[in-house]
Amino acid sequence: MKKIFCFTLVILFLFTLNAFAHPPAAIDLEFDLENNILEASVDHRSGDNRDHYVEKVEVFLNDELIINQDFFLQFDNDQQKTLYLIPGAEEGDLIKLIAYCNQFGSLETEMLIE
């Protein structure tokens, strides 16, 4: 009986850990065509930006992976901010960004360069 009780407690504990984990909430992209700079703000609230944070960002230009950046903490408890130089990007190109939470989930967004 003790084994079943302990097993049940462990399972409940594991489920409650995931209850606090969540993917990024939103991604805001701005592209400066004159300087070929992509500015990304990933909204991801966290009580401790060293423990629960945006772990990785991938940037695609016209479906080709061009940037893969890993993080070990988040800019602050509300968001991760990044700036990327994307040489050769032109009007009409499609940029896609995927942001990954270190505990659970991801979010992606796309923008057409205008």
PDB file of N, CA and C in Angstrom:
ATOM      1  N   MET A   1       0.818  -1.192   0.000  1.00  0.00           N
ATOM      2  CA  MET A   1       0.000   0.000   0.000  1.00  0.00           C
ATOM      3  C   MET A   1       0.867   1.263   0.000  1.00  0.00           C
ATOM      4  N   LYS A   2       1.967   1.217   0.746  1.00  0.00           N
ATOM      5  CA  LYS A   2       2.860   2.375   0.786  1.00  0.00           C
ATOM      6  C   LYS A   2       3.447   2.660  -0.594  1.00  0.00           C
ATOM      7  N   LYS A   3       3.756   1.612  -1.346  1.00  0.00           N
ATOM      8  CA  LYS A   3       4.327   1.797  -2.682  1.00  0.00           C
ATOM      9  C   LYS A   3       3.335   2.498  -3.602  1.00  0.00           C
ATOM     10  N   ILE A   4       2.080   2.114  -3.533  1.00  0.00           N
ATOM     11  CA  ILE A   4       1.049   2.745  -4.370  1.00  0.00           C
ATOM     12  C   ILE A   4       0.887   4.206  -3.970  1.00  0.00           C
ATOM     13  N   PHE A   5       0.877   4.474  -2.682  1.00  0.00           N
ATOM     14  CA  PHE A   5       0.746   5.848  -2.200  1.00  0.00           C
ATOM     15  C   PHE A   5       1.926   6.707  -2.662  1.00  0.00           C
ATOM     16  N   CYS A   6       3.135   6.192  -2.516  1.00  0.00           N
ATOM     17  CA  CYS A   6       4.332   6.935  -2.942  1.00  0.00           C
ATOM     18  C   CYS A   6       4.328   7.155  -4.451  1.00  0.00           C
ATOM     19  N   PHE A   7       3.951   6.136  -5.203  1.00  0.00           N
ATOM     20  CA  PHE A   7       3.890   6.258  -6.661  1.00  0.00           C
ATOM     21  C   PHE A   7       2.875   7.332  -7.061  1.00  0.00           C
ATOM     22  N   THR A   8       1.726   7.341  -6.411  1.00  0.00           N
ATOM     23  CA  THR A   8       0.688   8.344  -6.694  1.00  0.00           C
ATOM     24  C   THR A   8       1.196   9.746  -6.380  1.00  0.00           C
ATOM     25  N   LEU A   9       1.893   9.907  -5.278  1.00  0.00           N
ATOM     26  CA  LEU A   9       2.449  11.217  -4.925  1.00  0.00           C
ATOM     27  C   LEU A   9       3.467  11.691  -5.956  1.00  0.00           C
ATOM     28  N   VAL A  10       4.314  10.801  -6.414  1.00  0.00           N
ATOM     29  CA  VAL A  10       5.317  11.159  -7.423  1.00  0.00           C
ATOM     30  C   VAL A  10       4.634  11.596  -8.713  1.00  0.00           C
ATOM     31  N   ILE A  11       3.635  10.869  -9.149  1.00  0.00           N
ATOM     32  CA  ILE A  11       2.904  11.220 -10.375  1.00  0.00           C
ATOM     33  C   ILE A  11       2.224  12.578 -10.217  1.00  0.00           C
ATOM     34  N   LEU A  12       1.572  12.811  -9.104  1.00  0.00           N
ATOM     35  CA  LEU A  12       0.927  14.114  -8.867  1.00  0.00           C
ATOM     36  C   LEU A  12       1.949  15.243  -8.856  1.00  0.00           C
ATOM     37  N   PHE A  13       3.088  15.011  -8.250  1.00  0.00           N
ATOM     38  CA  PHE A  13       4.147  16.021  -8.215  1.00  0.00           C
ATOM     39  C   PHE A  13       4.619  16.357  -9.624  1.00  0.00           C
ATOM     40  N   LEU A  14       4.808  15.349 -10.457  1.00  0.00           N
ATOM     41  CA  LEU A  14       5.257  15.587 -11.832  1.00  0.00           C
ATOM     42  C   LEU A  14       4.226  16.377 -12.624  1.00  0.00           C
ATOM     43  N   PHE A  15       2.948  16.100 -12.428  1.00  0.00           N
ATOM     44  CA  PHE A  15       1.911  16.847 -13.139  1.00  0.00           C
ATOM     45  C   PHE A  15       1.835  18.295 -12.671  1.00  0.00           C
ATOM     46  N   THR A  16       2.048  18.549 -11.394  1.00  0.00           N
ATOM     47  CA  THR A  16       1.992  19.932 -10.912  1.00  0.00           C
ATOM     48  C   THR A  16       3.173  20.742 -11.409  1.00  0.00           C
ATOM     49  N   LEU A  17       4.312  20.119 -11.640  1.00  0.00           N
ATOM     50  CA  LEU A  17       5.446  20.848 -12.210  1.00  0.00           C
ATOM     51  C   LEU A  17       5.099  21.382 -13.589  1.00  0.00           C
ATOM     52  N   ASN A  18       4.471  20.574 -14.417  1.00  0.00           N
ATOM     53  CA  ASN A  18       4.095  21.002 -15.755  1.00  0.00           C
ATOM     54  C   ASN A  18       2.985  22.039 -15.746  1.00  0.00           C
ATOM     55  N   ALA A  19       2.210  22.103 -14.677  1.00  0.00           N
ATOM     56  CA  ALA A  19       1.130  23.084 -14.609  1.00  0.00           C
ATOM     57  C   ALA A  19       1.681  24.506 -14.608  1.00  0.00           C
ATOM     58  N   PHE A  20       2.880  24.714 -14.099  1.00  0.00           N
ATOM     59  CA  PHE A  20       3.471  26.045 -14.053  1.00  0.00           C
ATOM     60  C   PHE A  20       4.276  26.363 -15.308  1.00  0.00           C
ATOM     61  N   ALA A  21       4.592  25.367 -16.088  1.00  0.00           N
ATOM     62  CA  ALA A  21       5.333  25.577 -17.333  1.00  0.00           C
ATOM     63  C   ALA A  21       4.357  25.987 -18.428  1.00  0.00           C
ATOM     64  N   HIS A  22       4.795  26.881 -19.287  1.00  0.00           N
ATOM     65  CA  HIS A  22       3.944  27.354 -20.373  1.00  0.00           C
ATOM     66  C   HIS A  22       4.819  27.843 -21.519  1.00  0.00           C
ATOM     67  N   PRO A  23       4.287  27.778 -22.725  1.00  0.00           N
ATOM     68  CA  PRO A  23       5.049  28.278 -23.875  1.00  0.00           C
ATOM     69  C   PRO A  23       5.039  29.802 -23.896  1.00  0.00           C
ATOM     70  N   PRO A  24       5.867  30.410 -24.713  1.00  0.00           N
ATOM     71  CA  PRO A  24       5.805  31.865 -24.869  1.00  0.00           C
ATOM     72  C   PRO A  24       4.393  32.300 -25.264  1.00  0.00           C
ATOM     73  N   ALA A  25       3.995  33.488 -24.815  1.00  0.00           N
ATOM     74  CA  ALA A  25       2.634  33.978 -25.055  1.00  0.00           C
ATOM     75  C   ALA A  25       2.499  34.711 -26.386  1.00  0.00           C
ATOM     76  N   ALA A  26       3.517  35.452 -26.784  1.00  0.00           N
ATOM     77  CA  ALA A  26       3.438  36.247 -28.014  1.00  0.00           C
ATOM     78  C   ALA A  26       4.844  36.564 -28.504  1.00  0.00           C
ATOM     79  N   ILE A  27       4.930  36.835 -29.799  1.00  0.00           N
ATOM     80  CA  ILE A  27       6.197  37.250 -30.402  1.00  0.00           C
ATOM     81  C   ILE A  27       5.925  38.485 -31.240  1.00  0.00           C
ATOM     82  N   ASP A  28       6.712  39.529 -31.016  1.00  0.00           N
ATOM     83  CA  ASP A  28       6.604  40.761 -31.802  1.00  0.00           C
ATOM     84  C   ASP A  28       7.872  40.895 -32.641  1.00  0.00           C
ATOM     85  N   LEU A  29       7.697  40.980 -33.959  1.00  0.00           N
ATOM     86  CA  LEU A  29       8.833  41.119 -34.871  1.00  0.00           C
ATOM     87  C   LEU A  29       8.787  42.467 -35.566  1.00  0.00           C
ATOM     88  N   GLU A  30       9.941  43.114 -35.661  1.00  0.00           N
ATOM     89  CA  GLU A  30      10.096  44.337 -36.447  1.00  0.00           C
ATOM     90  C   GLU A  30      11.364  44.181 -37.271  1.00  0.00           C
ATOM     91  N   PHE A  31      11.280  44.578 -38.552  1.00  0.00           N
ATOM     92  CA  PHE A  31      12.440  44.453 -39.423  1.00  0.00           C
ATOM     93  C   PHE A  31      12.791  45.812 -40.000  1.00  0.00           C
ATOM     94  N   ASP A  32      14.038  46.224 -39.800  1.00  0.00           N
ATOM     95  CA  ASP A  32      14.571  47.471 -40.354  1.00  0.00           C
ATOM     96  C   ASP A  32      15.236  47.118 -41.679  1.00  0.00           C
ATOM     97  N   LEU A  33      14.533  47.389 -42.783  1.00  0.00           N
ATOM     98  CA  LEU A  33      15.013  46.996 -44.105  1.00  0.00           C
ATOM     99  C   LEU A  33      16.272  47.751 -44.505  1.00  0.00           C
ATOM    100  N   GLU A  34      16.408  48.990 -44.042  1.00  0.00           N
ATOM    101  CA  GLU A  34      17.586  49.794 -44.389  1.00  0.00           C
ATOM    102  C   GLU A  34      18.871  49.182 -43.830  1.00  0.00           C
ATOM    103  N   ASN A  35      18.792  48.666 -42.595  1.00  0.00           N
ATOM    104  CA  ASN A  35      19.978  48.108 -41.928  1.00  0.00           C
ATOM    105  C   ASN A  35      19.964  46.581 -41.842  1.00  0.00           C
ATOM    106  N   ASN A  36      18.900  45.959 -42.344  1.00  0.00           N
ATOM    107  CA  ASN A  36      18.734  44.498 -42.299  1.00  0.00           C
ATOM    108  C   ASN A  36      18.813  43.941 -40.877  1.00  0.00           C
ATOM    109  N   ILE A  37      18.133  44.619 -39.955  1.00  0.00           N
ATOM    110  CA  ILE A  37      18.116  44.211 -38.551  1.00  0.00           C
ATOM    111  C   ILE A  37      16.717  43.713 -38.183  1.00  0.00           C
ATOM    112  N   LEU A  38      16.664  42.508 -37.622  1.00  0.00           N
ATOM    113  CA  LEU A  38      15.423  41.955 -37.090  1.00  0.00           C
ATOM    114  C   LEU A  38      15.432  42.140 -35.580  1.00  0.00           C
ATOM    115  N   GLU A  39      14.392  42.781 -35.066  1.00  0.00           N
ATOM    116  CA  GLU A  39      14.220  42.923 -33.620  1.00  0.00           C
ATOM    117  C   GLU A  39      13.055  42.038 -33.212  1.00  0.00           C
ATOM    118  N   ALA A  40      13.288  41.162 -32.250  1.00  0.00           N
ATOM    119  CA  ALA A  40      12.246  40.251 -31.780  1.00  0.00           C
ATOM    120  C   ALA A  40      12.083  40.395 -30.275  1.00  0.00           C
ATOM    121  N   SER A  41      10.831  40.487 -29.848  1.00  0.00           N
ATOM    122  CA  SER A  41      10.486  40.472 -28.428  1.00  0.00           C
ATOM    123  C   SER A  41       9.559  39.287 -28.204  1.00  0.00           C
ATOM    124  N   VAL A  42       9.976  38.378 -27.341  1.00  0.00           N
ATOM    125  CA  VAL A  42       9.189  37.181 -27.050  1.00  0.00           C
ATOM    126  C   VAL A  42       8.608  37.336 -25.650  1.00  0.00           C
ATOM    127  N   ASP A  43       7.277  37.459 -25.562  1.00  0.00           N
ATOM    128  CA  ASP A  43       6.609  37.584 -24.266  1.00  0.00           C
ATOM    129  C   ASP A  43       6.540  36.215 -23.596  1.00  0.00           C
ATOM    130  N   HIS A  44       7.111  36.138 -22.389  1.00  0.00           N
ATOM    131  CA  HIS A  44       7.159  34.868 -21.657  1.00  0.00           C
ATOM    132  C   HIS A  44       7.352  35.193 -20.183  1.00  0.00           C
ATOM    133  N   ARG A  45       6.249  35.239 -19.450  1.00  0.00           N
ATOM    134  CA  ARG A  45       6.315  35.583 -18.022  1.00  0.00           C
ATOM    135  C   ARG A  45       6.897  34.434 -17.208  1.00  0.00           C
ATOM    136  N   SER A  46       7.706  34.829 -16.239  1.00  0.00           N
ATOM    137  CA  SER A  46       8.376  33.847 -15.397  1.00  0.00           C
ATOM    138  C   SER A  46       8.622  34.456 -14.026  1.00  0.00           C
ATOM    139  N   GLY A  47       8.486  33.650 -13.003  1.00  0.00           N
ATOM    140  CA  GLY A  47       8.799  34.124 -11.660  1.00  0.00           C
ATOM    141  C   GLY A  47      10.298  34.218 -11.417  1.00  0.00           C
ATOM    142  N   ASP A  48      11.052  33.428 -12.143  1.00  0.00           N
ATOM    143  CA  ASP A  48      12.512  33.413 -12.011  1.00  0.00           C
ATOM    144  C   ASP A  48      13.107  33.198 -13.400  1.00  0.00           C
ATOM    145  N   ASN A  49      13.630  34.254 -13.988  1.00  0.00           N
ATOM    146  CA  ASN A  49      14.106  34.187 -15.375  1.00  0.00           C
ATOM    147  C   ASN A  49      15.388  33.367 -15.541  1.00  0.00           C
ATOM    148  N   ARG A  50      15.924  32.833 -14.460  1.00  0.00           N
ATOM    149  CA  ARG A  50      17.073  31.928 -14.557  1.00  0.00           C
ATOM    150  C   ARG A  50      16.644  30.464 -14.518  1.00  0.00           C
ATOM    151  N   ASP A  51      15.412  30.230 -14.062  1.00  0.00           N
ATOM    152  CA  ASP A  51      14.899  28.867 -13.937  1.00  0.00           C
ATOM    153  C   ASP A  51      13.884  28.527 -15.034  1.00  0.00           C
ATOM    154  N   HIS A  52      13.080  29.493 -15.431  1.00  0.00           N
ATOM    155  CA  HIS A  52      12.021  29.297 -16.438  1.00  0.00           C
ATOM    156  C   HIS A  52      12.170  30.419 -17.455  1.00  0.00           C
ATOM    157  N   TYR A  53      12.567  30.076 -18.673  1.00  0.00           N
ATOM    158  CA  TYR A  53      12.968  31.109 -19.625  1.00  0.00           C
ATOM    159  C   TYR A  53      12.823  30.631 -21.067  1.00  0.00           C
ATOM    160  N   VAL A  54      12.963  31.573 -22.000  1.00  0.00           N
ATOM    161  CA  VAL A  54      13.038  31.227 -23.417  1.00  0.00           C
ATOM    162  C   VAL A  54      14.423  30.637 -23.635  1.00  0.00           C
ATOM    163  N   GLU A  55      14.452  29.365 -23.973  1.00  0.00           N
ATOM    164  CA  GLU A  55      15.709  28.620 -24.063  1.00  0.00           C
ATOM    165  C   GLU A  55      16.373  28.729 -25.433  1.00  0.00           C
ATOM    166  N   LYS A  56      15.556  28.814 -26.478  1.00  0.00           N
ATOM    167  CA  LYS A  56      16.123  28.788 -27.822  1.00  0.00           C
ATOM    168  C   LYS A  56      15.255  29.599 -28.771  1.00  0.00           C
ATOM    169  N   VAL A  57      15.916  30.261 -29.716  1.00  0.00           N
ATOM    170  CA  VAL A  57      15.232  30.977 -30.792  1.00  0.00           C
ATOM    171  C   VAL A  57      15.831  30.512 -32.112  1.00  0.00           C
ATOM    172  N   GLU A  58      14.946  30.177 -33.041  1.00  0.00           N
ATOM    173  CA  GLU A  58      15.357  29.829 -34.398  1.00  0.00           C
ATOM    174  C   GLU A  58      14.748  30.844 -35.355  1.00  0.00           C
ATOM    175  N   VAL A  59      15.556  31.316 -36.305  1.00  0.00           N
ATOM    176  CA  VAL A  59      15.087  32.271 -37.306  1.00  0.00           C
ATOM    177  C   VAL A  59      15.277  31.646 -38.683  1.00  0.00           C
ATOM    178  N   PHE A  60      14.218  31.712 -39.475  1.00  0.00           N
ATOM    179  CA  PHE A  60      14.230  31.179 -40.836  1.00  0.00           C
ATOM    180  C   PHE A  60      14.011  32.326 -41.813  1.00  0.00           C
ATOM    181  N   LEU A  61      14.734  32.312 -42.912  1.00  0.00           N
ATOM    182  CA  LEU A  61      14.526  33.254 -44.007  1.00  0.00           C
ATOM    183  C   LEU A  61      14.113  32.430 -45.215  1.00  0.00           C
ATOM    184  N   ASN A  62      12.869  32.648 -45.659  1.00  0.00           N
ATOM    185  CA  ASN A  62      12.315  31.869 -46.775  1.00  0.00           C
ATOM    186  C   ASN A  62      12.466  30.363 -46.537  1.00  0.00           C
ATOM    187  N   ASP A  63      12.096  29.929 -45.334  1.00  0.00           N
ATOM    188  CA  ASP A  63      12.104  28.514 -44.916  1.00  0.00           C
ATOM    189  C   ASP A  63      13.492  27.901 -44.760  1.00  0.00           C
ATOM    190  N   GLU A  64      14.545  28.703 -44.766  1.00  0.00           N
ATOM    191  CA  GLU A  64      15.901  28.199 -44.526  1.00  0.00           C
ATOM    192  C   GLU A  64      16.362  28.676 -43.150  1.00  0.00           C
ATOM    193  N   LEU A  65      16.773  27.737 -42.294  1.00  0.00           N
ATOM    194  CA  LEU A  65      17.266  28.091 -40.962  1.00  0.00           C
ATOM    195  C   LEU A  65      18.555  28.891 -41.103  1.00  0.00           C
ATOM    196  N   ILE A  66      18.538  30.136 -40.592  1.00  0.00           N
ATOM    197  CA  ILE A  66      19.733  30.980 -40.695  1.00  0.00           C
ATOM    198  C   ILE A  66      20.318  31.337 -39.332  1.00  0.00           C
ATOM    199  N   ILE A  67      19.501  31.239 -38.277  1.00  0.00           N
ATOM    200  CA  ILE A  67      19.983  31.560 -36.923  1.00  0.00           C
ATOM    201  C   ILE A  67      19.407  30.532 -35.960  1.00  0.00           C
ATOM    202  N   ASN A  68      20.263  30.023 -35.079  1.00  0.00           N
ATOM    203  CA  ASN A  68      19.863  29.090 -34.030  1.00  0.00           C
ATOM    204  C   ASN A  68      20.599  29.531 -32.771  1.00  0.00           C
ATOM    205  N   GLN A  69      19.898  30.220 -31.866  1.00  0.00           N
ATOM    206  CA  GLN A  69      20.550  30.770 -30.679  1.00  0.00           C
ATOM    207  C   GLN A  69      19.978  30.149 -29.417  1.00  0.00           C
ATOM    208  N   ASP A  70      20.866  29.696 -28.533  1.00  0.00           N
ATOM    209  CA  ASP A  70      20.479  29.146 -27.237  1.00  0.00           C
ATOM    210  C   ASP A  70      20.707  30.191 -26.156  1.00  0.00           C
ATOM    211  N   PHE A  71      19.831  30.167 -25.142  1.00  0.00           N
ATOM    212  CA  PHE A  71      19.927  31.088 -24.009  1.00  0.00           C
ATOM    213  C   PHE A  71      20.000  30.288 -22.716  1.00  0.00           C
ATOM    214  N   PHE A  72      20.599  30.887 -21.692  1.00  0.00           N
ATOM    215  CA  PHE A  72      20.695  30.252 -20.387  1.00  0.00           C
ATOM    216  C   PHE A  72      19.920  31.011 -19.324  1.00  0.00           C
ATOM    217  N   LEU A  73      19.347  32.130 -19.704  1.00  0.00           N
ATOM    218  CA  LEU A  73      18.435  32.891 -18.872  1.00  0.00           C
ATOM    219  C   LEU A  73      17.674  33.834 -19.786  1.00  0.00           C
ATOM    220  N   GLN A  74      16.677  34.487 -19.221  1.00  0.00           N
ATOM    221  CA  GLN A  74      15.829  35.377 -20.000  1.00  0.00           C
ATOM    222  C   GLN A  74      16.178  36.820 -19.678  1.00  0.00           C
ATOM    223  N   PHE A  75      15.945  37.726 -20.628  1.00  0.00           N
ATOM    224  CA  PHE A  75      16.256  39.151 -20.491  1.00  0.00           C
ATOM    225  C   PHE A  75      15.712  39.711 -19.180  1.00  0.00           C
ATOM    226  N   ASP A  76      14.448  39.444 -18.897  1.00  0.00           N
ATOM    227  CA  ASP A  76      13.850  39.792 -17.608  1.00  0.00           C
ATOM    228  C   ASP A  76      12.708  38.806 -17.350  1.00  0.00           C
ATOM    229  N   ASN A  77      11.918  39.030 -16.317  1.00  0.00           N
ATOM    230  CA  ASN A  77      10.856  38.080 -15.974  1.00  0.00           C
ATOM    231  C   ASN A  77       9.666  38.131 -16.916  1.00  0.00           C
ATOM    232  N   ASP A  78       9.657  39.067 -17.858  1.00  0.00           N
ATOM    233  CA  ASP A  78       8.520  39.213 -18.761  1.00  0.00           C
ATOM    234  C   ASP A  78       8.811  38.828 -20.206  1.00  0.00           C
ATOM    235  N   GLN A  79      10.069  38.943 -20.637  1.00  0.00           N
ATOM    236  CA  GLN A  79      10.332  38.724 -22.061  1.00  0.00           C
ATOM    237  C   GLN A  79      11.799  38.427 -22.356  1.00  0.00           C
ATOM    238  N   GLN A  80      11.998  37.931 -23.561  1.00  0.00           N
ATOM    239  CA  GLN A  80      13.333  37.752 -24.123  1.00  0.00           C
ATOM    240  C   GLN A  80      13.424  38.691 -25.323  1.00  0.00           C
ATOM    241  N   LYS A  81      14.480  39.468 -25.410  1.00  0.00           N
ATOM    242  CA  LYS A  81      14.668  40.399 -26.522  1.00  0.00           C
ATOM    243  C   LYS A  81      15.907  39.996 -27.308  1.00  0.00           C
ATOM    244  N   THR A  82      15.815  40.131 -28.633  1.00  0.00           N
ATOM    245  CA  THR A  82      16.953  39.804 -29.483  1.00  0.00           C
ATOM    246  C   THR A  82      17.040  40.768 -30.651  1.00  0.00           C
ATOM    247  N   LEU A  83      18.245  40.941 -31.147  1.00  0.00           N
ATOM    248  CA  LEU A  83      18.504  41.691 -32.380  1.00  0.00           C
ATOM    249  C   LEU A  83      19.371  40.809 -33.268  1.00  0.00           C
ATOM    250  N   TYR A  84      18.984  40.696 -34.540  1.00  0.00           N
ATOM    251  CA  TYR A  84      19.752  39.875 -35.473  1.00  0.00           C
ATOM    252  C   TYR A  84      20.007  40.643 -36.762  1.00  0.00           C
ATOM    253  N   LEU A  85      21.226  40.572 -37.235  1.00  0.00           N
ATOM    254  CA  LEU A  85      21.574  41.095 -38.554  1.00  0.00           C
ATOM    255  C   LEU A  85      21.287  39.985 -39.564  1.00  0.00           C
ATOM    256  N   ILE A  86      20.490  40.325 -40.586  1.00  0.00           N
ATOM    257  CA  ILE A  86      20.138  39.347 -41.611  1.00  0.00           C
ATOM    258  C   ILE A  86      20.543  39.910 -42.967  1.00  0.00           C
ATOM    259  N   PRO A  87      21.810  39.730 -43.341  1.00  0.00           N
ATOM    260  CA  PRO A  87      22.278  40.257 -44.622  1.00  0.00           C
ATOM    261  C   PRO A  87      21.561  39.571 -45.783  1.00  0.00           C
ATOM    262  N   GLY A  88      21.271  40.343 -46.796  1.00  0.00           N
ATOM    263  CA  GLY A  88      20.642  39.786 -47.988  1.00  0.00           C
ATOM    264  C   GLY A  88      19.132  39.709 -47.937  1.00  0.00           C
ATOM    265  N   ALA A  89      18.526  40.032 -46.798  1.00  0.00           N
ATOM    266  CA  ALA A  89      17.062  40.019 -46.720  1.00  0.00           C
ATOM    267  C   ALA A  89      16.504  41.163 -47.556  1.00  0.00           C
ATOM    268  N   GLU A  90      15.434  40.873 -48.276  1.00  0.00           N
ATOM    269  CA  GLU A  90      14.855  41.859 -49.186  1.00  0.00           C
ATOM    270  C   GLU A  90      13.345  41.929 -49.008  1.00  0.00           C
ATOM    271  N   GLU A  91      12.754  42.974 -49.564  1.00  0.00           N
ATOM    272  CA  GLU A  91      11.305  43.092 -49.582  1.00  0.00           C
ATOM    273  C   GLU A  91      10.714  41.847 -50.221  1.00  0.00           C
ATOM    274  N   GLY A  92       9.652  41.348 -49.616  1.00  0.00           N
ATOM    275  CA  GLY A  92       8.999  40.154 -50.137  1.00  0.00           C
ATOM    276  C   GLY A  92       9.494  38.856 -49.524  1.00  0.00           C
ATOM    277  N   ASP A  93      10.619  38.888 -48.799  1.00  0.00           N
ATOM    278  CA  ASP A  93      11.119  37.689 -48.122  1.00  0.00           C
ATOM    279  C   ASP A  93      10.246  37.381 -46.906  1.00  0.00           C
ATOM    280  N   LEU A  94      10.189  36.106 -46.550  1.00  0.00           N
ATOM    281  CA  LEU A  94       9.416  35.659 -45.401  1.00  0.00           C
ATOM    282  C   LEU A  94      10.367  35.296 -44.266  1.00  0.00           C
ATOM    283  N   ILE A  95      10.126  35.905 -43.102  1.00  0.00           N
ATOM    284  CA  ILE A  95      10.891  35.587 -41.891  1.00  0.00           C
ATOM    285  C   ILE A  95       9.975  34.818 -40.951  1.00  0.00           C
ATOM    286  N   LYS A  96      10.493  33.712 -40.421  1.00  0.00           N
ATOM    287  CA  LYS A  96       9.767  32.945 -39.411  1.00  0.00           C
ATOM    288  C   LYS A  96      10.663  32.832 -38.189  1.00  0.00           C
ATOM    289  N   LEU A  97      10.088  33.025 -37.013  1.00  0.00           N
ATOM    290  CA  LEU A  97      10.827  32.889 -35.760  1.00  0.00           C
ATOM    291  C   LEU A  97      10.078  31.901 -34.876  1.00  0.00           C
ATOM    292  N   ILE A  98      10.820  30.950 -34.304  1.00  0.00           N
ATOM    293  CA  ILE A  98      10.264  29.999 -33.344  1.00  0.00           C
ATOM    294  C   ILE A  98      11.000  30.196 -32.022  1.00  0.00           C
ATOM    295  N   ALA A  99      10.234  30.391 -30.939  1.00  0.00           N
ATOM    296  CA  ALA A  99      10.798  30.546 -29.595  1.00  0.00           C
ATOM    297  C   ALA A  99      10.374  29.345 -28.749  1.00  0.00           C
ATOM    298  N   TYR A 100      11.341  28.761 -28.032  1.00  0.00           N
ATOM    299  CA  TYR A 100      11.107  27.564 -27.232  1.00  0.00           C
ATOM    300  C   TYR A 100      11.277  27.880 -25.750  1.00  0.00           C
ATOM    301  N   CYS A 101      10.325  27.444 -24.934  1.00  0.00           N
ATOM    302  CA  CYS A 101      10.444  27.527 -23.476  1.00  0.00           C
ATOM    303  C   CYS A 101      11.323  26.375 -23.001  1.00  0.00           C
ATOM    304  N   ASN A 102      12.142  26.596 -21.985  1.00  0.00           N
ATOM    305  CA  ASN A 102      13.017  25.530 -21.485  1.00  0.00           C
ATOM    306  C   ASN A 102      12.245  24.456 -20.721  1.00  0.00           C
ATOM    307  N   GLN A 103      11.000  24.743 -20.337  1.00  0.00           N
ATOM    308  CA  GLN A 103      10.229  23.756 -19.588  1.00  0.00           C
ATOM    309  C   GLN A 103       9.108  23.116 -20.402  1.00  0.00           C
ATOM    310  N   PHE A 104       8.462  23.907 -21.273  1.00  0.00           N
ATOM    311  CA  PHE A 104       7.342  23.342 -22.024  1.00  0.00           C
ATOM    312  C   PHE A 104       6.922  24.253 -23.166  1.00  0.00           C
ATOM    313  N   GLY A 105       6.852  23.718 -24.348  1.00  0.00           N
ATOM    314  CA  GLY A 105       6.190  24.368 -25.466  1.00  0.00           C
ATOM    315  C   GLY A 105       7.032  25.342 -26.262  1.00  0.00           C
ATOM    316  N   SER A 106       6.426  25.778 -27.356  1.00  0.00           N
ATOM    317  CA  SER A 106       7.061  26.740 -28.247  1.00  0.00           C
ATOM    318  C   SER A 106       5.977  27.580 -28.907  1.00  0.00           C
ATOM    319  N   LEU A 107       6.416  28.644 -29.560  1.00  0.00           N
ATOM    320  CA  LEU A 107       5.505  29.518 -30.299  1.00  0.00           C
ATOM    321  C   LEU A 107       6.249  29.997 -31.527  1.00  0.00           C
ATOM    322  N   GLU A 108       5.542  30.098 -32.644  1.00  0.00           N
ATOM    323  CA  GLU A 108       6.178  30.606 -33.856  1.00  0.00           C
ATOM    324  C   GLU A 108       5.312  31.689 -34.476  1.00  0.00           C
ATOM    325  N   THR A 109       5.985  32.574 -35.188  1.00  0.00           N
ATOM    326  CA  THR A 109       5.293  33.627 -35.920  1.00  0.00           C
ATOM    327  C   THR A 109       6.064  33.903 -37.201  1.00  0.00           C
ATOM    328  N   GLU A 110       5.356  34.490 -38.158  1.00  0.00           N
ATOM    329  CA  GLU A 110       5.963  34.830 -39.442  1.00  0.00           C
ATOM    330  C   GLU A 110       5.672  36.278 -39.776  1.00  0.00           C
ATOM    331  N   MET A 111       6.558  36.861 -40.576  1.00  0.00           N
ATOM    332  CA  MET A 111       6.307  38.200 -41.102  1.00  0.00           C
ATOM    333  C   MET A 111       6.881  38.294 -42.504  1.00  0.00           C
ATOM    334  N   LEU A 112       6.199  39.054 -43.332  1.00  0.00           N
ATOM    335  CA  LEU A 112       6.654  39.326 -44.683  1.00  0.00           C
ATOM    336  C   LEU A 112       7.386  40.656 -44.652  1.00  0.00           C
ATOM    337  N   ILE A 113       8.590  40.706 -45.177  1.00  0.00           N
ATOM    338  CA  ILE A 113       9.360  41.950 -45.177  1.00  0.00           C
ATOM    339  C   ILE A 113       8.745  42.905 -46.191  1.00  0.00           C
ATOM    340  N   GLU A 114       8.403  44.093 -45.707  1.00  0.00           N
ATOM    341  CA  GLU A 114       7.804  45.124 -46.575  1.00  0.00           C
ATOM    342  C   GLU A 114       8.617  46.385 -46.535  1.00  0.00           C
TER     343      GLU A 114
END
